[in-house]
């Protein structure tokens, strides 16, 4: 398994939601448009294909960083929120 950091900027809200859903199938969200993914090249190519089918290559971009294990272990995270959890949302029943 390889370690990947995937970042993206999708200009349309609908495409953004679709790309986020694809990314959630493969990795763990660490920020709004940043995911950590542990996968082999075949899986990454499948993910890239799904993302490319959604994005507008004239307006959107996605960057895939393949990070070696030694550098992956050097990452430092700060703050109280667990990165793989979405913040709680309020729901109202009328």
Protein backbone atom coordinates (compact mmCIF):
# COMPACT_ATOMS: atom_id res chain seq x y z
CA UNK A 1 0.00 0.00 0.00
CA UNK A 2 1.15 3.48 -0.87
CA UNK A 3 0.33 6.69 0.99
CA UNK A 4 -1.29 9.52 -0.94
CA UNK A 5 -2.35 13.05 -0.12
CA UNK A 6 -5.03 14.25 -2.52
CA UNK A 7 -6.09 17.88 -2.74
CA UNK A 8 -8.62 19.43 -5.06
CA UNK A 9 -10.36 22.63 -6.05
CA UNK A 10 -13.67 22.02 -7.81
CA UNK A 11 -15.43 25.20 -8.99
CA UNK A 12 -19.02 23.90 -9.16
CA UNK A 13 -20.89 22.87 -6.00
CA UNK A 14 -22.54 19.86 -7.63
CA UNK A 15 -19.27 18.51 -9.05
CA UNK A 16 -17.59 19.25 -5.71
CA UNK A 17 -20.08 17.05 -3.86
CA UNK A 18 -19.64 14.25 -6.39
CA UNK A 19 -15.84 14.37 -6.13
CA UNK A 20 -16.05 14.39 -2.32
CA UNK A 21 -18.24 11.27 -2.41
CA UNK A 22 -15.72 9.51 -4.64
CA UNK A 23 -12.86 10.52 -2.35
CA UNK A 24 -14.73 9.21 0.71
CA UNK A 25 -14.85 5.79 -1.00
CA UNK A 26 -11.05 5.69 -1.00
CA UNK A 27 -9.68 7.80 1.81
CA UNK A 28 -10.07 9.80 4.97
CA UNK A 29 -10.95 13.49 4.90
CA UNK A 30 -8.45 15.68 6.76
CA UNK A 31 -9.76 19.04 5.53
CA UNK A 32 -12.66 20.11 3.32
CA UNK A 33 -10.82 19.36 0.06
CA UNK A 34 -7.94 17.23 1.32
CA UNK A 35 -7.92 13.45 1.75
CA UNK A 36 -5.35 10.92 2.97
CA UNK A 37 -5.51 7.73 0.95
CA UNK A 38 -3.71 4.42 1.48
CA UNK A 39 -3.93 2.47 -1.76
CA UNK A 40 -1.97 0.80 -4.51
CA UNK A 41 -1.46 2.24 -7.99
CA UNK A 42 -4.36 0.23 -9.48
CA UNK A 43 -6.79 1.62 -6.92
CA UNK A 44 -5.47 5.16 -7.39
CA UNK A 45 -5.90 4.85 -11.17
CA UNK A 46 -9.51 3.72 -10.63
CA UNK A 47 -10.11 6.68 -8.33
CA UNK A 48 -8.49 9.08 -10.82
CA UNK A 49 -10.74 7.78 -13.57
CA UNK A 50 -13.86 8.34 -11.49
CA UNK A 51 -12.73 11.86 -10.54
CA UNK A 52 -11.76 12.76 -14.13
CA UNK A 53 -15.21 11.70 -15.32
CA UNK A 54 -16.75 14.29 -12.95
CA UNK A 55 -14.40 17.26 -13.11
CA UNK A 56 -14.22 20.04 -15.66
CA UNK A 57 -10.58 19.95 -16.73
CA UNK A 58 -10.77 23.60 -17.82
CA UNK A 59 -11.87 24.90 -14.40
CA UNK A 60 -11.14 22.26 -11.72
CA UNK A 61 -7.95 20.64 -10.51
CA UNK A 62 -6.87 17.66 -8.45
CA UNK A 63 -3.34 16.98 -7.20
CA UNK A 64 -2.13 13.54 -6.07
CA UNK A 65 0.98 13.41 -3.87
CA UNK A 66 2.56 9.97 -3.48
CA UNK A 67 4.32 10.17 -0.11
CA UNK A 68 6.93 7.68 1.08
CA UNK A 69 6.38 5.90 4.38
CA UNK A 70 9.24 7.75 6.10
CA UNK A 71 7.78 11.15 5.26
CA UNK A 72 4.23 9.99 6.03
CA UNK A 73 5.36 9.18 9.58
CA UNK A 74 6.68 12.74 10.00
CA UNK A 75 3.24 14.34 9.74
CA UNK A 76 1.99 16.27 12.75
CA UNK A 77 -1.64 17.06 13.47
CA UNK A 78 -2.91 19.66 15.89
CA UNK A 79 -6.36 20.54 17.16
CA UNK A 80 -9.26 18.89 18.92
CA UNK A 81 -11.31 17.63 15.97
CA UNK A 82 -10.80 14.14 14.67
CA UNK A 83 -10.11 14.58 10.98
CA UNK A 84 -12.10 11.61 9.74
CA UNK A 85 -15.31 12.81 11.34
CA UNK A 86 -17.68 15.40 9.95
CA UNK A 87 -18.67 18.18 12.36
CA UNK A 88 -22.08 17.57 13.95
CA UNK A 89 -25.05 19.08 12.13
CA UNK A 90 -28.37 20.21 13.58
CA UNK A 91 -31.55 18.67 12.28
CA UNK A 92 -35.02 20.03 12.88
CA UNK A 93 -38.24 18.03 12.62
CA UNK A 94 -41.37 20.05 12.02
